[in-house]
C-alpha atoms as a PDB file:
ATOM      1  CA  UNK A   1      73.140  86.450 143.375  1.00  0.00           C
ATOM      2  CA  UNK A   2      76.982  86.163 143.343  1.00  0.00           C
ATOM      3  CA  UNK A   3      78.537  84.792 140.362  1.00  0.00           C
ATOM      4  CA  UNK A   4      82.114  83.438 139.584  1.00  0.00           C
ATOM      5  CA  UNK A   5      84.298  85.582 137.579  1.00  0.00           C
ATOM      6  CA  UNK A   6      86.738  84.943 134.877  1.00  0.00           C
ATOM      7  CA  UNK A   7      89.193  87.234 133.194  1.00  0.00           C
ATOM      8  CA  UNK A   8      89.658  86.633 129.653  1.00  0.00           C
ATOM      9  CA  UNK A   9      92.674  88.621 128.589  1.00  0.00           C
ATOM     10  CA  UNK A  10      91.606  89.723 125.090  1.00  0.00           C
ATOM     11  CA  UNK A  11      91.099  92.658 122.829  1.00  0.00           C
ATOM     12  CA  UNK A  12      87.625  94.107 121.603  1.00  0.00           C
ATOM     13  CA  UNK A  13      87.915  91.519 118.796  1.00  0.00           C
ATOM     14  CA  UNK A  14      86.814  88.969 121.329  1.00  0.00           C
ATOM     15  CA  UNK A  15      83.964  90.905 122.659  1.00  0.00           C
ATOM     16  CA  UNK A  16      81.040  88.715 120.915  1.00  0.00           C
ATOM     17  CA  UNK A  17      82.805  85.522 122.043  1.00  0.00           C
ATOM     18  CA  UNK A  18      82.975  86.535 125.557  1.00  0.00           C
ATOM     19  CA  UNK A  19      79.445  87.918 125.764  1.00  0.00           C
ATOM     20  CA  UNK A  20      78.119  84.705 124.511  1.00  0.00           C
ATOM     21  CA  UNK A  21      80.253  82.840 127.271  1.00  0.00           C
ATOM     22  CA  UNK A  22      78.997  85.115 129.795  1.00  0.00           C
ATOM     23  CA  UNK A  23      75.277  84.487 128.577  1.00  0.00           C
ATOM     24  CA  UNK A  24      75.329  80.705 128.178  1.00  0.00           C
ATOM     25  CA  UNK A  25      77.428  80.191 131.427  1.00  0.00           C
ATOM     26  CA  UNK A  26      75.553  82.760 133.642  1.00  0.00           C
ATOM     27  CA  UNK A  27      79.098  83.916 134.989  1.00  0.00           C
ATOM     28  CA  UNK A  28      80.283  87.593 135.227  1.00  0.00           C
ATOM     29  CA  UNK A  29      83.085  87.927 132.409  1.00  0.00           C
ATOM     30  CA  UNK A  30      85.319  91.030 132.604  1.00  0.00           C
ATOM     31  CA  UNK A  31      87.318  91.253 129.306  1.00  0.00           C
ATOM     32  CA  UNK A  32      90.469  93.486 129.409  1.00  0.00           C
ATOM     33  CA  UNK A  33      91.498  95.563 126.314  1.00  0.00           C
ATOM     34  CA  UNK A  34      95.087  95.343 127.548  1.00  0.00           C
ATOM     35  CA  UNK A  35      97.877  97.432 125.757  1.00  0.00           C
ATOM     36  CA  UNK A  36      99.623  95.369 123.189  1.00  0.00           C
ATOM     37  CA  UNK A  37     103.004  94.745 121.619  1.00  0.00           C
ATOM     38  CA  UNK A  38     105.006  96.068 119.694  1.00  0.00           C
ATOM     39  CA  UNK A  39     104.218  99.419 121.013  1.00  0.00           C
ATOM     40  CA  UNK A  40     103.946  98.001 124.674  1.00  0.00           C
ATOM     41  CA  UNK A  41     105.995  94.842 125.050  1.00  0.00           C
ATOM     42  CA  UNK A  42     106.460  92.582 128.058  1.00  0.00           C
ATOM     43  CA  UNK A  43     105.525  93.170 130.910  1.00  0.00           C
ATOM     44  CA  UNK A  44     103.143  95.920 130.129  1.00  0.00           C
ATOM     45  CA  UNK A  45     100.265  93.792 128.707  1.00  0.00           C
ATOM     46  CA  UNK A  46     100.639  91.408 131.675  1.00  0.00           C
ATOM     47  CA  UNK A  47     100.685  94.281 134.263  1.00  0.00           C
ATOM     48  CA  UNK A  48      97.540  95.613 132.768  1.00  0.00           C
ATOM     49  CA  UNK A  49      95.737  92.370 133.368  1.00  0.00           C
ATOM     50  CA  UNK A  50      97.240  91.857 136.673  1.00  0.00           C
ATOM     51  CA  UNK A  51      96.001  95.160 137.855  1.00  0.00           C
ATOM     52  CA  UNK A  52      92.290  94.409 136.710  1.00  0.00           C
ATOM     53  CA  UNK A  53      92.529  91.074 138.570  1.00  0.00           C
ATOM     54  CA  UNK A  54      93.948  92.787 141.639  1.00  0.00           C
ATOM     55  CA  UNK A  55      90.985  95.323 141.669  1.00  0.00           C
ATOM     56  CA  UNK A  56      88.248  92.707 141.367  1.00  0.00           C
ATOM     57  CA  UNK A  57      89.792  90.757 144.161  1.00  0.00           C
ATOM     58  CA  UNK A  58      90.040  93.873 146.264  1.00  0.00           C
ATOM     59  CA  UNK A  59      86.437  94.992 145.284  1.00  0.00           C
ATOM     60  CA  UNK A  60      84.212  91.902 144.730  1.00  0.00           C
ATOM     61  CA  UNK A  61      80.891  93.567 145.820  1.00  0.00           C
ATOM     62  CA  UNK A  62      81.421  96.200 143.241  1.00  0.00           C
ATOM     63  CA  UNK A  63      81.184  93.309 140.326  1.00  0.00           C
ATOM     64  CA  UNK A  64      78.640  91.533 142.373  1.00  0.00           C
ATOM     65  CA  UNK A  65      81.156  88.389 142.359  1.00  0.00           C
ATOM     66  CA  UNK A  66      81.944  85.856 144.885  1.00  0.00           C
ATOM     67  CA  UNK A  67      85.644  86.456 146.160  1.00  0.00           C
ATOM     68  CA  UNK A  68      85.938  82.653 146.640  1.00  0.00           C
ATOM     69  CA  UNK A  69      85.133  82.039 143.079  1.00  0.00           C
ATOM     70  CA  UNK A  70      87.539  84.360 140.982  1.00  0.00           C
ATOM     71  CA  UNK A  71      89.159  82.792 138.094  1.00  0.00           C
ATOM     72  CA  UNK A  72      91.376  83.912 135.040  1.00  0.00           C
ATOM     73  CA  UNK A  73      91.364  82.454 131.663  1.00  0.00           C
ATOM     74  CA  UNK A  74      92.344  83.230 128.162  1.00  0.00           C
ATOM     75  CA  UNK A  75      93.748  81.865 124.870  1.00  0.00           C
ATOM     76  CA  UNK A  76      96.879  81.707 123.228  1.00  0.00           C
ATOM     77  CA  UNK A  77      98.739  84.909 124.704  1.00  0.00           C
ATOM     78  CA  UNK A  78      95.876  85.521 126.992  1.00  0.00           C
ATOM     79  CA  UNK A  79      96.367  81.898 128.184  1.00  0.00           C
ATOM     80  CA  UNK A  80      99.984  82.934 128.771  1.00  0.00           C
ATOM     81  CA  UNK A  81      99.134  85.729 130.785  1.00  0.00           C
ATOM     82  CA  UNK A  82      96.281  84.024 132.783  1.00  0.00           C
ATOM     83  CA  UNK A  83      98.834  81.387 133.713  1.00  0.00           C
ATOM     84  CA  UNK A  84     101.540  83.856 134.818  1.00  0.00           C
ATOM     85  CA  UNK A  85      98.602  85.762 136.909  1.00  0.00           C
ATOM     86  CA  UNK A  86      97.803  82.491 138.602  1.00  0.00           C
ATOM     87  CA  UNK A  87     101.422  81.902 139.682  1.00  0.00           C
ATOM     88  CA  UNK A  88     101.456  85.529 141.082  1.00  0.00           C
ATOM     89  CA  UNK A  89      98.198  85.193 142.921  1.00  0.00           C
ATOM     90  CA  UNK A  90      98.288  81.570 143.779  1.00  0.00           C
ATOM     91  CA  UNK A  91      95.505  80.690 146.415  1.00  0.00           C
ATOM     92  CA  UNK A  92      93.621  84.082 145.725  1.00  0.00           C
ATOM     93  CA  UNK A  93      92.179  82.376 142.575  1.00  0.00           C
ATOM     94  CA  UNK A  94      89.814  79.465 142.267  1.00  0.00           C
ATOM     95  CA  UNK A  95      90.794  78.425 138.722  1.00  0.00           C
ATOM     96  CA  UNK A  96      92.786  79.115 135.711  1.00  0.00           C
ATOM     97  CA  UNK A  97      91.221  78.172 132.208  1.00  0.00           C
ATOM     98  CA  UNK A  98      93.872  78.152 129.605  1.00  0.00           C
ATOM     99  CA  UNK A  99      92.814  77.644 125.810  1.00  0.00           C
ATOM    100  CA  UNK A 100      95.919  76.773 123.652  1.00  0.00           C
ATOM    101  CA  UNK A 101      98.129  78.631 125.859  1.00  0.00           C
ATOM    102  CA  UNK A 102     101.666  79.655 125.040  1.00  0.00           C
ATOM    103  CA  UNK A 103     103.655  78.372 128.210  1.00  0.00           C
ATOM    104  CA  UNK A 104     107.142  78.273 126.993  1.00  0.00           C
ATOM    105  CA  UNK A 105     109.559  79.778 124.505  1.00  0.00           C
ATOM    106  CA  UNK A 106     112.831  77.482 124.707  1.00  0.00           C
ATOM    107  CA  UNK A 107     111.741  74.867 122.175  1.00  0.00           C
ATOM    108  CA  UNK A 108     109.773  75.462 119.004  1.00  0.00           C
ATOM    109  CA  UNK A 109     110.378  72.214 117.634  1.00  0.00           C
ATOM    110  CA  UNK A 110     108.350  69.981 120.180  1.00  0.00           C
ATOM    111  CA  UNK A 111     106.484  66.797 118.940  1.00  0.00           C
ATOM    112  CA  UNK A 112     103.170  68.681 118.939  1.00  0.00           C
ATOM    113  CA  UNK A 113     104.415  71.498 116.988  1.00  0.00           C
ATOM    114  CA  UNK A 114     106.117  69.295 114.326  1.00  0.00           C
ATOM    115  CA  UNK A 115     103.022  66.976 114.079  1.00  0.00           C
ATOM    116  CA  UNK A 116     100.456  69.390 114.117  1.00  0.00           C
ATOM    117  CA  UNK A 117     101.754  72.312 112.138  1.00  0.00           C
ATOM    118  CA  UNK A 118     100.206  70.987 108.817  1.00  0.00           C
ATOM    119  CA  UNK A 119      96.794  71.047 110.278  1.00  0.00           C
ATOM    120  CA  UNK A 120      96.911  74.545 111.987  1.00  0.00           C
ATOM    121  CA  UNK A 121      97.330  77.542 109.969  1.00  0.00           C
ATOM    122  CA  UNK A 122      98.640  79.673 112.670  1.00  0.00           C
ATOM    123  CA  UNK A 123     100.546  77.145 115.178  1.00  0.00           C
ATOM    124  CA  UNK A 124     102.898  79.050 117.440  1.00  0.00           C
ATOM    125  CA  UNK A 125     105.964  77.788 115.390  1.00  0.00           C
ATOM    126  CA  UNK A 126     104.770  79.703 112.208  1.00  0.00           C
ATOM    127  CA  UNK A 127     106.211  82.835 110.930  1.00  0.00           C
ATOM    128  CA  UNK A 128     103.390  84.901 111.631  1.00  0.00           C
ATOM    129  CA  UNK A 129     102.921  83.644 115.131  1.00  0.00           C
ATOM    130  CA  UNK A 130     106.645  84.113 115.874  1.00  0.00           C
ATOM    131  CA  UNK A 131     106.417  87.661 114.862  1.00  0.00           C
ATOM    132  CA  UNK A 132     103.936  88.143 117.689  1.00  0.00           C
ATOM    133  CA  UNK A 133     106.522  86.332 120.174  1.00  0.00           C
ATOM    134  CA  UNK A 134     109.391  88.780 118.875  1.00  0.00           C
ATOM    135  CA  UNK A 135     106.909  91.743 119.384  1.00  0.00           C
ATOM    136  CA  UNK A 136     106.272  90.633 122.975  1.00  0.00           C
ATOM    137  CA  UNK A 137     109.790  90.131 123.799  1.00  0.00           C
ATOM    138  CA  UNK A 138     110.488  93.626 122.351  1.00  0.00           C
ATOM    139  CA  UNK A 139     113.130  92.536 119.749  1.00  0.00           C
ATOM    140  CA  UNK A 140     113.072  92.838 115.912  1.00  0.00           C
ATOM    141  CA  UNK A 141     110.456  90.550 114.081  1.00  0.00           C
ATOM    142  CA  UNK A 142     113.244  89.673 111.716  1.00  0.00           C
ATOM    143  CA  UNK A 143     114.666  87.372 114.312  1.00  0.00           C
ATOM    144  CA  UNK A 144     111.711  84.942 113.897  1.00  0.00           C
ATOM    145  CA  UNK A 145     113.688  82.593 111.615  1.00  0.00           C
ATOM    146  CA  UNK A 146     116.028  81.913 114.674  1.00  0.00           C
ATOM    147  CA  UNK A 147     113.167  80.944 116.630  1.00  0.00           C
ATOM    148  CA  UNK A 148     111.842  78.602 113.910  1.00  0.00           C
ATOM    149  CA  UNK A 149     114.857  76.458 114.017  1.00  0.00           C
ATOM    150  CA  UNK A 150     115.649  76.721 117.914  1.00  0.00           C
ATOM    151  CA  UNK A 151     118.712  78.997 117.187  1.00  0.00           C
ATOM    152  CA  UNK A 152     117.322  81.574 119.654  1.00  0.00           C
ATOM    153  CA  UNK A 153     119.058  80.007 122.694  1.00  0.00           C
ATOM    154  CA  UNK A 154     122.659  79.028 123.511  1.00  0.00           C
ATOM    155  CA  UNK A 155     123.771  75.514 123.858  1.00  0.00           C
ATOM    156  CA  UNK A 156     124.235  75.948 127.520  1.00  0.00           C
ATOM    157  CA  UNK A 157     120.872  76.970 128.071  1.00  0.00           C
ATOM    158  CA  UNK A 158     119.535  73.855 126.032  1.00  0.00           C
ATOM    159  CA  UNK A 159     121.469  71.746 128.266  1.00  0.00           C
ATOM    160  CA  UNK A 160     120.364  73.483 131.439  1.00  0.00           C
ATOM    161  CA  UNK A 161     117.806  72.460 134.212  1.00  0.00           C
ATOM    162  CA  UNK A 162     115.523  75.128 132.737  1.00  0.00           C
ATOM    163  CA  UNK A 163     115.353  73.085 129.510  1.00  0.00           C
ATOM    164  CA  UNK A 164     114.825  69.956 131.469  1.00  0.00           C
ATOM    165  CA  UNK A 165     111.337  71.351 132.586  1.00  0.00           C
ATOM    166  CA  UNK A 166     110.152  70.951 129.191  1.00  0.00           C
ATOM    167  CA  UNK A 167     112.073  67.839 128.014  1.00  0.00           C
ATOM    168  CA  UNK A 168     109.526  65.745 126.286  1.00  0.00           C
ATOM    169  CA  UNK A 169     111.581  62.545 126.824  1.00  0.00           C
ATOM    170  CA  UNK A 170     110.392  62.971 130.412  1.00  0.00           C
ATOM    171  CA  UNK A 171     107.039  64.550 130.393  1.00  0.00           C
ATOM    172  CA  UNK A 172     105.431  63.450 127.096  1.00  0.00           C
ATOM    173  CA  UNK A 173     103.564  59.988 127.021  1.00  0.00           C
ATOM    174  CA  UNK A 174     104.638  57.962 124.022  1.00  0.00           C
ATOM    175  CA  UNK A 175     101.071  57.117 123.378  1.00  0.00           C
ATOM    176  CA  UNK A 176     100.190  60.557 122.650  1.00  0.00           C
ATOM    177  CA  UNK A 177     102.713  60.892 119.905  1.00  0.00           C
ATOM    178  CA  UNK A 178     101.868  59.561 116.431  1.00  0.00           C
ATOM    179  CA  UNK A 179     105.556  59.712 115.176  1.00  0.00           C
ATOM    180  CA  UNK A 180     107.308  57.892 118.001  1.00  0.00           C
ATOM    181  CA  UNK A 181     110.863  58.540 116.736  1.00  0.00           C
ATOM    182  CA  UNK A 182     110.429  62.371 117.557  1.00  0.00           C
ATOM    183  CA  UNK A 183     110.439  61.295 121.271  1.00  0.00           C
ATOM    184  CA  UNK A 184     113.683  59.630 120.872  1.00  0.00           C
ATOM    185  CA  UNK A 185     115.537  62.681 119.605  1.00  0.00           C
ATOM    186  CA  UNK A 186     116.593  65.513 121.720  1.00  0.00           C
ATOM    187  CA  UNK A 187     113.881  67.775 122.855  1.00  0.00           C
ATOM    188  CA  UNK A 188     115.720  70.651 121.300  1.00  0.00           C
ATOM    189  CA  UNK A 189     118.454  70.900 118.732  1.00  0.00           C
ATOM    190  CA  UNK A 190     121.778  71.251 120.499  1.00  0.00           C
ATOM    191  CA  UNK A 191     123.353  73.121 117.526  1.00  0.00           C
ATOM    192  CA  UNK A 192     125.041  76.243 117.946  1.00  0.00           C
ATOM    193  CA  UNK A 193     122.619  78.800 118.960  1.00  0.00           C
ATOM    194  CA  UNK A 194     122.553  82.763 118.078  1.00  0.00           C
ATOM    195  CA  UNK A 195     124.398  84.162 121.163  1.00  0.00           C
ATOM    196  CA  UNK A 196     123.744  87.794 120.367  1.00  0.00           C
ATOM    197  CA  UNK A 197     119.857  87.109 120.273  1.00  0.00           C
ATOM    198  CA  UNK A 198     120.053  84.665 123.244  1.00  0.00           C
ATOM    199  CA  UNK A 199     121.692  87.519 125.406  1.00  0.00           C
ATOM    200  CA  UNK A 200     118.737  89.735 124.690  1.00  0.00           C
ATOM    201  CA  UNK A 201     115.901  87.251 125.339  1.00  0.00           C
ATOM    202  CA  UNK A 202     117.284  84.776 127.852  1.00  0.00           C
ATOM    203  CA  UNK A 203     116.101  86.626 131.073  1.00  0.00           C
ATOM    204  CA  UNK A 204     112.645  86.812 129.706  1.00  0.00           C
ATOM    205  CA  UNK A 205     112.284  83.413 128.291  1.00  0.00           C
ATOM    206  CA  UNK A 206     113.410  81.768 131.466  1.00  0.00           C
ATOM    207  CA  UNK A 207     111.152  83.813 133.571  1.00  0.00           C
ATOM    208  CA  UNK A 208     108.363  82.010 134.892  1.00  0.00           C
ATOM    209  CA  UNK A 209     106.093  85.169 134.454  1.00  0.00           C
ATOM    210  CA  UNK A 210     106.842  85.349 130.950  1.00  0.00           C
ATOM    211  CA  UNK A 211     106.942  81.430 130.352  1.00  0.00           C
ATOM    212  CA  UNK A 212     104.919  79.813 133.052  1.00  0.00           C
ATOM    213  CA  UNK A 213     106.327  76.410 132.383  1.00  0.00           C
ATOM    214  CA  UNK A 214     109.642  77.665 133.657  1.00  0.00           C
ATOM    215  CA  UNK A 215     108.163  77.624 137.220  1.00  0.00           C
ATOM    216  CA  UNK A 216     109.733  75.286 139.921  1.00  0.00           C
ATOM    217  CA  UNK A 217     107.717  73.342 142.312  1.00  0.00           C
ATOM    218  CA  UNK A 218     107.948  76.178 144.953  1.00  0.00           C
ATOM    219  CA  UNK A 219     106.155  78.555 142.723  1.00  0.00           C
ATOM    220  CA  UNK A 220     103.558  76.191 141.602  1.00  0.00           C
ATOM    221  CA  UNK A 221     102.671  74.968 145.108  1.00  0.00           C
ATOM    222  CA  UNK A 222      99.205  76.328 145.993  1.00  0.00           C
ATOM    223  CA  UNK A 223      98.568  77.679 142.481  1.00  0.00           C
ATOM    224  CA  UNK A 224      95.003  77.311 141.526  1.00  0.00           C
ATOM    225  CA  UNK A 225      93.937  74.311 139.558  1.00  0.00           C
ATOM    226  CA  UNK A 226      94.186  74.699 135.733  1.00  0.00           C
ATOM    227  CA  UNK A 227      91.723  73.471 133.079  1.00  0.00           C
ATOM    228  CA  UNK A 228      93.899  73.235 129.677  1.00  0.00           C
ATOM    229  CA  UNK A 229      92.188  72.882 126.157  1.00  0.00           C
ATOM    230  CA  UNK A 230      94.783  72.286 123.408  1.00  0.00           C
ATOM    231  CA  UNK A 231      94.920  70.295 120.049  1.00  0.00           C
ATOM    232  CA  UNK A 232      91.569  68.610 120.887  1.00  0.00           C
ATOM    233  CA  UNK A 233      92.817  67.092 124.283  1.00  0.00           C
END
C-alpha cells in the first residue's frame, strides 16, 4: 500500500516525535538530520532538505510512497525550510505543513511577538532564538540586540514594497489582536537602522527562499496548500 509522505526537517532530537506521528497517522515520514548553523549557515541546511525531497520525488517506489501525495512539513526553522521547498517545487508537492514557522525576518516587533512573548519562553524575538537567526544568517550572534529592536534593517527597507508584504495594518484582522492600538502603529519601527549589519543581511532577509513571506504572487502561484499551526490558531 502506498502512503503519503511528509518531510520533517529535524534533528535526531525529534526522532521519537516523528516516529509517533508515523505510527499514529500511518504515513511514511522521512526525517532529515540536516547540517546546522553556525558551522553550516544558509543555504546549506535548506539544500540538504531540498536534495532529500527531490530524491524522494524522483524515486517514490523505493520508499513505497504515492508520488501524488508527497508533502513537506516542519516546525520553527523546519517550517521555514518546508515553506521554502514548497516555493521551489510548487505543484510537485501535495501539501505543506507548517508548525510555528519562521517566515519573515524584517519585523521582530509584530503584534503577535509583543502580545505573546510573556507566554512563550522562546518566542522568536527572544535573545536565544535570535542567536539561532544570526547563526543561520552567518553573522555574529552579538548582533541579536539589533534584531530585537528592528534596527537590523535600513529605513529605506522598512518603507519598501518588501516590508509592505508583512504590514499588519493590511494583513492582520483587528479582532485577532488583543491590544488594538498596536495595529495603529507602524508595523515596524522607522528609526535609523544599523546600515553595516543591514548591508550584510538584506539580500538574505528579502530572499523568499530564506523568508517565504517575501514571495510575490507569481512565486505563490501553484504552490501547494499550507496547513499552518501557530499560537493556538
